[in-house]
PDB file of N, CA and C in Angstrom:
ATOM      1  N   UNK A   1     -45.672  20.087  68.977  1.00  0.00           N
ATOM      2  CA  UNK A   1     -46.203  21.096  67.986  1.00  0.00           C
ATOM      3  C   UNK A   1     -45.366  22.231  68.461  1.00  0.00           C
ATOM      4  N   UNK A   2     -45.298  23.127  67.593  1.00  0.00           N
ATOM      5  CA  UNK A   2     -44.550  24.443  67.823  1.00  0.00           C
ATOM      6  C   UNK A   2     -45.281  25.565  68.179  1.00  0.00           C
ATOM      7  N   UNK A   3     -44.613  26.643  68.609  1.00  0.00           N
ATOM      8  CA  UNK A   3     -45.536  27.700  69.044  1.00  0.00           C
ATOM      9  C   UNK A   3     -46.459  28.465  68.002  1.00  0.00           C
ATOM     10  N   UNK A   4     -45.850  28.477  66.548  1.00  0.00           N
ATOM     11  CA  UNK A   4     -46.290  29.143  65.807  1.00  0.00           C
ATOM     12  C   UNK A   4     -47.635  28.515  65.165  1.00  0.00           C
ATOM     13  N   UNK A   5     -47.454  26.926  65.143  1.00  0.00           N
ATOM     14  CA  UNK A   5     -48.494  26.162  64.639  1.00  0.00           C
ATOM     15  C   UNK A   5     -49.820  26.440  65.761  1.00  0.00           C
ATOM     16  N   UNK A   6     -49.646  26.488  67.195  1.00  0.00           N
ATOM     17  CA  UNK A   6     -50.277  26.614  68.217  1.00  0.00           C
ATOM     18  C   UNK A   6     -51.080  27.877  68.071  1.00  0.00           C
ATOM     19  N   UNK A   7     -50.179  28.858  67.498  1.00  0.00           N
ATOM     20  CA  UNK A   7     -50.911  30.216  67.828  1.00  0.00           C
ATOM     21  C   UNK A   7     -51.765  30.141  66.346  1.00  0.00           C
ATOM     22  N   UNK A   8     -51.669  30.007  65.386  1.00  0.00           N
ATOM     23  CA  UNK A   8     -52.214  30.031  64.207  1.00  0.00           C
ATOM     24  C   UNK A   8     -53.373  29.121  64.407  1.00  0.00           C
ATOM     25  N   UNK A   9     -53.508  27.797  65.018  1.00  0.00           N
ATOM     26  CA  UNK A   9     -54.769  27.180  65.274  1.00  0.00           C
ATOM     27  C   UNK A   9     -55.570  27.923  66.314  1.00  0.00           C
ATOM     28  N   UNK A  10     -54.870  28.596  67.261  1.00  0.00           N
ATOM     29  CA  UNK A  10     -55.839  29.498  68.412  1.00  0.00           C
ATOM     30  C   UNK A  10     -56.458  30.394  67.584  1.00  0.00           C
ATOM     31  N   UNK A  11     -55.940  30.947  66.410  1.00  0.00           N
ATOM     32  CA  UNK A  11     -56.605  32.066  65.724  1.00  0.00           C
ATOM     33  C   UNK A  11     -57.588  31.772  65.023  1.00  0.00           C
ATOM     34  N   UNK A  12     -57.583  30.276  64.423  1.00  0.00           N
ATOM     35  CA  UNK A  12     -58.605  29.722  63.746  1.00  0.00           C
ATOM     36  C   UNK A  12     -59.865  29.391  64.640  1.00  0.00           C
ATOM     37  N   UNK A  13     -59.657  29.160  65.999  1.00  0.00           N
ATOM     38  CA  UNK A  13     -60.579  28.720  66.868  1.00  0.00           C
ATOM     39  C   UNK A  13     -61.636  29.774  66.957  1.00  0.00           C
ATOM     40  N   UNK A  14     -61.236  30.936  66.314  1.00  0.00           N
ATOM     41  CA  UNK A  14     -62.200  32.131  66.760  1.00  0.00           C
ATOM     42  C   UNK A  14     -63.480  32.067  65.681  1.00  0.00           C
ATOM     43  N   UNK A  15     -63.138  31.187  64.688  1.00  0.00           N
ATOM     44  CA  UNK A  15     -64.078  30.829  63.701  1.00  0.00           C
ATOM     45  C   UNK A  15     -65.185  29.727  63.941  1.00  0.00           C
ATOM     46  N   UNK A  16     -66.488  29.783  64.152  1.00  0.00           N
ATOM     47  CA  UNK A  16     -67.143  28.550  64.515  1.00  0.00           C
ATOM     48  C   UNK A  16     -67.024  27.404  63.724  1.00  0.00           C
ATOM     49  N   UNK A  17     -66.758  27.502  62.343  1.00  0.00           N
ATOM     50  CA  UNK A  17     -66.646  26.391  61.572  1.00  0.00           C
ATOM     51  C   UNK A  17     -65.523  25.577  61.815  1.00  0.00           C
ATOM     52  N   UNK A  18     -64.444  25.998  62.530  1.00  0.00           N
ATOM     53  CA  UNK A  18     -62.908  25.581  62.600  1.00  0.00           C
ATOM     54  C   UNK A  18     -63.161  24.367  63.677  1.00  0.00           C
ATOM     55  N   UNK A  19     -62.575  23.290  63.166  1.00  0.00           N
ATOM     56  CA  UNK A  19     -62.475  22.005  64.189  1.00  0.00           C
ATOM     57  C   UNK A  19     -61.264  21.650  64.018  1.00  0.00           C
ATOM     58  N   UNK A  20     -60.217  21.397  65.002  1.00  0.00           N
ATOM     59  CA  UNK A  20     -59.136  20.931  64.950  1.00  0.00           C
ATOM     60  C   UNK A  20     -58.837  19.381  64.904  1.00  0.00           C
ATOM     61  N   UNK A  21     -60.191  18.813  65.278  1.00  0.00           N
ATOM     62  CA  UNK A  21     -59.787  17.492  65.317  1.00  0.00           C
ATOM     63  C   UNK A  21     -60.007  16.645  64.143  1.00  0.00           C
ATOM     64  N   UNK A  22     -59.347  15.406  64.024  1.00  0.00           N
ATOM     65  CA  UNK A  22     -59.416  14.541  62.758  1.00  0.00           C
ATOM     66  C   UNK A  22     -60.924  14.539  62.187  1.00  0.00           C
ATOM     67  N   UNK A  23     -61.102  14.446  61.037  1.00  0.00           N
ATOM     68  CA  UNK A  23     -62.442  14.115  59.899  1.00  0.00           C
ATOM     69  C   UNK A  23     -62.344  12.786  59.523  1.00  0.00           C
ATOM     70  N   UNK A  24     -63.200  11.967  60.101  1.00  0.00           N
ATOM     71  CA  UNK A  24     -63.184  10.529  59.686  1.00  0.00           C
ATOM     72  C   UNK A  24     -63.569  10.639  58.341  1.00  0.00           C
ATOM     73  N   UNK A  25     -64.472  11.590  58.144  1.00  0.00           N
ATOM     74  CA  UNK A  25     -65.149  11.356  56.610  1.00  0.00           C
ATOM     75  C   UNK A  25     -64.335  12.230  55.585  1.00  0.00           C
ATOM     76  N   UNK A  26     -63.135  12.682  55.860  1.00  0.00           N
ATOM     77  CA  UNK A  26     -62.313  13.404  54.769  1.00  0.00           C
ATOM     78  C   UNK A  26     -61.428  12.360  54.057  1.00  0.00           C
ATOM     79  N   UNK A  27     -61.336  12.459  52.999  1.00  0.00           N
ATOM     80  CA  UNK A  27     -60.648  11.653  52.185  1.00  0.00           C
ATOM     81  C   UNK A  27     -58.966  11.482  52.313  1.00  0.00           C
ATOM     82  N   UNK A  28     -58.209  10.522  52.252  1.00  0.00           N
ATOM     83  CA  UNK A  28     -56.770  10.541  52.679  1.00  0.00           C
ATOM     84  C   UNK A  28     -56.345  11.411  52.007  1.00  0.00           C
ATOM     85  N   UNK A  29     -55.128  11.774  52.290  1.00  0.00           N
ATOM     86  CA  UNK A  29     -54.411  12.935  51.527  1.00  0.00           C
ATOM     87  C   UNK A  29     -52.911  12.387  51.535  1.00  0.00           C
ATOM     88  N   UNK A  30     -52.068  12.603  50.408  1.00  0.00           N
ATOM     89  CA  UNK A  30     -50.853  12.222  50.158  1.00  0.00           C
ATOM     90  C   UNK A  30     -49.997  12.989  49.098  1.00  0.00           C
ATOM     91  N   UNK A  31     -48.920  13.617  49.571  1.00  0.00           N
ATOM     92  CA  UNK A  31     -48.101  14.539  48.684  1.00  0.00           C
ATOM     93  C   UNK A  31     -47.602  13.776  47.471  1.00  0.00           C
ATOM     94  N   UNK A  32     -47.645  14.293  46.276  1.00  0.00           N
ATOM     95  CA  UNK A  32     -47.159  13.721  45.124  1.00  0.00           C
ATOM     96  C   UNK A  32     -46.004  14.526  44.629  1.00  0.00           C
ATOM     97  N   UNK A  33     -44.751  14.429  45.175  1.00  0.00           N
ATOM     98  CA  UNK A  33     -43.422  15.272  45.053  1.00  0.00           C
ATOM     99  C   UNK A  33     -43.119  15.097  43.676  1.00  0.00           C
ATOM    100  N   UNK A  34     -43.480  14.006  43.015  1.00  0.00           N
ATOM    101  CA  UNK A  34     -42.479  13.505  41.724  1.00  0.00           C
ATOM    102  C   UNK A  34     -43.590  14.108  40.457  1.00  0.00           C
ATOM    103  N   UNK A  35     -44.505  15.224  40.705  1.00  0.00           N
ATOM    104  CA  UNK A  35     -45.351  15.353  39.744  1.00  0.00           C
ATOM    105  C   UNK A  35     -44.567  16.581  38.787  1.00  0.00           C
ATOM    106  N   UNK A  36     -44.711  16.493  37.388  1.00  0.00           N
ATOM    107  CA  UNK A  36     -43.780  17.055  36.431  1.00  0.00           C
ATOM    108  C   UNK A  36     -44.420  18.897  36.733  1.00  0.00           C
ATOM    109  N   UNK A  37     -45.534  19.060  37.025  1.00  0.00           N
ATOM    110  CA  UNK A  37     -46.172  20.448  37.239  1.00  0.00           C
ATOM    111  C   UNK A  37     -45.674  21.046  38.425  1.00  0.00           C
ATOM    112  N   UNK A  38     -45.437  20.134  39.532  1.00  0.00           N
ATOM    113  CA  UNK A  38     -44.660  20.851  40.773  1.00  0.00           C
ATOM    114  C   UNK A  38     -43.262  21.242  40.584  1.00  0.00           C
ATOM    115  N   UNK A  39     -42.701  20.270  39.732  1.00  0.00           N
ATOM    116  CA  UNK A  39     -41.161  20.563  39.588  1.00  0.00           C
ATOM    117  C   UNK A  39     -41.292  22.094  38.455  1.00  0.00           C
ATOM    118  N   UNK A  40     -42.153  21.985  37.680  1.00  0.00           N
ATOM    119  CA  UNK A  40     -42.238  23.369  36.803  1.00  0.00           C
ATOM    120  C   UNK A  40     -42.185  24.459  37.844  1.00  0.00           C
ATOM    121  N   UNK A  41     -43.346  24.293  38.623  1.00  0.00           N
ATOM    122  CA  UNK A  41     -43.835  25.699  39.784  1.00  0.00           C
ATOM    123  C   UNK A  41     -42.397  25.806  40.671  1.00  0.00           C
ATOM    124  N   UNK A  42     -41.715  24.730  41.201  1.00  0.00           N
ATOM    125  CA  UNK A  42     -40.582  24.982  41.872  1.00  0.00           C
ATOM    126  C   UNK A  42     -39.543  25.747  41.472  1.00  0.00           C
ATOM    127  N   UNK A  43     -39.147  25.310  40.096  1.00  0.00           N
ATOM    128  CA  UNK A  43     -38.074  26.251  39.421  1.00  0.00           C
ATOM    129  C   UNK A  43     -38.442  27.472  38.831  1.00  0.00           C
ATOM    130  N   UNK A  44     -39.738  27.724  38.562  1.00  0.00           N
ATOM    131  CA  UNK A  44     -40.424  29.044  38.157  1.00  0.00           C
ATOM    132  C   UNK A  44     -40.634  30.252  39.199  1.00  0.00           C
ATOM    133  N   UNK A  45     -40.941  29.732  40.508  1.00  0.00           N
ATOM    134  CA  UNK A  45     -41.169  30.482  41.626  1.00  0.00           C
ATOM    135  C   UNK A  45     -40.053  30.246  42.844  1.00  0.00           C
ATOM    136  N   UNK A  46     -39.036  29.739  42.152  1.00  0.00           N
ATOM    137  CA  UNK A  46     -37.805  29.464  43.137  1.00  0.00           C
ATOM    138  C   UNK A  46     -38.280  29.034  44.426  1.00  0.00           C
ATOM    139  N   UNK A  47     -39.103  27.943  44.773  1.00  0.00           N
ATOM    140  CA  UNK A  47     -39.807  27.562  45.642  1.00  0.00           C
ATOM    141  C   UNK A  47     -39.081  26.992  46.802  1.00  0.00           C
ATOM    142  N   UNK A  48     -37.883  26.233  46.438  1.00  0.00           N
ATOM    143  CA  UNK A  48     -37.259  25.657  47.445  1.00  0.00           C
ATOM    144  C   UNK A  48     -36.244  26.671  48.036  1.00  0.00           C
ATOM    145  N   UNK A  49     -35.890  27.728  47.467  1.00  0.00           N
ATOM    146  CA  UNK A  49     -35.157  29.023  47.934  1.00  0.00           C
ATOM    147  C   UNK A  49     -35.926  29.630  48.921  1.00  0.00           C
ATOM    148  N   UNK A  50     -36.953  30.135  48.254  1.00  0.00           N
ATOM    149  CA  UNK A  50     -37.982  31.059  49.310  1.00  0.00           C
ATOM    150  C   UNK A  50     -38.376  30.521  50.825  1.00  0.00           C
ATOM    151  N   UNK A  51     -38.766  29.322  50.320  1.00  0.00           N
ATOM    152  CA  UNK A  51     -39.253  28.282  51.755  1.00  0.00           C
ATOM    153  C   UNK A  51     -37.934  28.163  52.594  1.00  0.00           C
ATOM    154  N   UNK A  52     -36.709  27.913  52.278  1.00  0.00           N
ATOM    155  CA  UNK A  52     -35.672  28.188  53.451  1.00  0.00           C
ATOM    156  C   UNK A  52     -35.561  26.729  53.838  1.00  0.00           C
ATOM    157  N   UNK A  53     -34.874  26.650  55.058  1.00  0.00           N
ATOM    158  CA  UNK A  53     -34.700  25.474  55.539  1.00  0.00           C
ATOM    159  C   UNK A  53     -35.924  25.218  56.899  1.00  0.00           C
ATOM    160  N   UNK A  54     -35.374  24.229  57.769  1.00  0.00           N
ATOM    161  CA  UNK A  54     -36.362  24.218  58.859  1.00  0.00           C
ATOM    162  C   UNK A  54     -37.519  23.042  58.767  1.00  0.00           C
ATOM    163  N   UNK A  55     -38.441  23.136  59.534  1.00  0.00           N
ATOM    164  CA  UNK A  55     -39.242  21.882  59.338  1.00  0.00           C
ATOM    165  C   UNK A  55     -40.084  22.335  58.342  1.00  0.00           C
ATOM    166  N   UNK A  56     -41.543  21.715  58.078  1.00  0.00           N
ATOM    167  CA  UNK A  56     -42.435  22.223  57.065  1.00  0.00           C
ATOM    168  C   UNK A  56     -43.191  23.229  57.334  1.00  0.00           C
ATOM    169  N   UNK A  57     -43.369  23.213  58.704  1.00  0.00           N
ATOM    170  CA  UNK A  57     -44.148  24.538  59.234  1.00  0.00           C
ATOM    171  C   UNK A  57     -43.367  25.643  58.884  1.00  0.00           C
ATOM    172  N   UNK A  58     -42.108  25.753  59.388  1.00  0.00           N
ATOM    173  CA  UNK A  58     -41.519  26.942  58.835  1.00  0.00           C
ATOM    174  C   UNK A  58     -41.545  27.362  57.485  1.00  0.00           C
ATOM    175  N   UNK A  59     -41.205  26.382  56.426  1.00  0.00           N
ATOM    176  CA  UNK A  59     -41.397  26.669  55.107  1.00  0.00           C
ATOM    177  C   UNK A  59     -42.556  27.225  54.729  1.00  0.00           C
ATOM    178  N   UNK A  60     -43.626  26.442  55.297  1.00  0.00           N
ATOM    179  CA  UNK A  60     -44.902  27.065  54.923  1.00  0.00           C
ATOM    180  C   UNK A  60     -45.063  28.682  55.183  1.00  0.00           C
ATOM    181  N   UNK A  61     -44.441  29.026  56.381  1.00  0.00           N
ATOM    182  CA  UNK A  61     -44.629  30.464  56.520  1.00  0.00           C
ATOM    183  C   UNK A  61     -43.746  31.158  55.848  1.00  0.00           C
ATOM    184  N   UNK A  62     -42.503  30.751  55.805  1.00  0.00           N
ATOM    185  CA  UNK A  62     -41.804  31.301  55.014  1.00  0.00           C
ATOM    186  C   UNK A  62     -42.558  31.738  53.329  1.00  0.00           C
ATOM    187  N   UNK A  63     -43.060  31.004  52.900  1.00  0.00           N
ATOM    188  CA  UNK A  63     -43.749  31.060  51.299  1.00  0.00           C
ATOM    189  C   UNK A  63     -44.844  32.082  51.741  1.00  0.00           C
ATOM    190  N   UNK A  64     -45.616  32.175  52.949  1.00  0.00           N
ATOM    191  CA  UNK A  64     -46.647  32.758  53.076  1.00  0.00           C
ATOM    192  C   UNK A  64     -46.444  34.273  53.050  1.00  0.00           C
ATOM    193  N   UNK A  65     -45.171  34.435  53.853  1.00  0.00           N
ATOM    194  CA  UNK A  65     -44.648  35.918  53.990  1.00  0.00           C
ATOM    195  C   UNK A  65     -43.777  36.324  53.103  1.00  0.00           C
ATOM    196  N   UNK A  66     -43.738  35.616  51.983  1.00  0.00           N
ATOM    197  CA  UNK A  66     -42.634  36.270  50.785  1.00  0.00           C
ATOM    198  C   UNK A  66     -43.437  37.098  50.017  1.00  0.00           C
ATOM    199  N   UNK A  67     -43.068  38.416  49.816  1.00  0.00           N
ATOM    200  CA  UNK A  67     -43.222  39.230  49.364  1.00  0.00           C
ATOM    201  C   UNK A  67     -43.131  39.377  47.840  1.00  0.00           C
ATOM    202  N   UNK A  68     -44.159  39.630  47.028  1.00  0.00           N
ATOM    203  CA  UNK A  68     -44.145  39.506  45.614  1.00  0.00           C
ATOM    204  C   UNK A  68     -43.549  40.832  44.989  1.00  0.00           C
ATOM    205  N   UNK A  69     -42.691  40.466  43.877  1.00  0.00           N
ATOM    206  CA  UNK A  69     -42.158  41.922  42.999  1.00  0.00           C
ATOM    207  C   UNK A  69     -42.960  42.147  41.681  1.00  0.00           C
TER     208      UNK A  69
END
């Protein structure tokens, strides 16, 4: 795990309800990359350009810190 991920998890641990362990009762999750609505949003908001390169966590942080015009 990288530093930024550990830092954010550390911040979440300040909240009593946060639990970083897997939840066996939670439903499975899988990305659906080929959904037409996702493609529309990617183009409309230039998500690929804004997210930039790097690993998924870096892309998420880039999207979170993007300033809106």
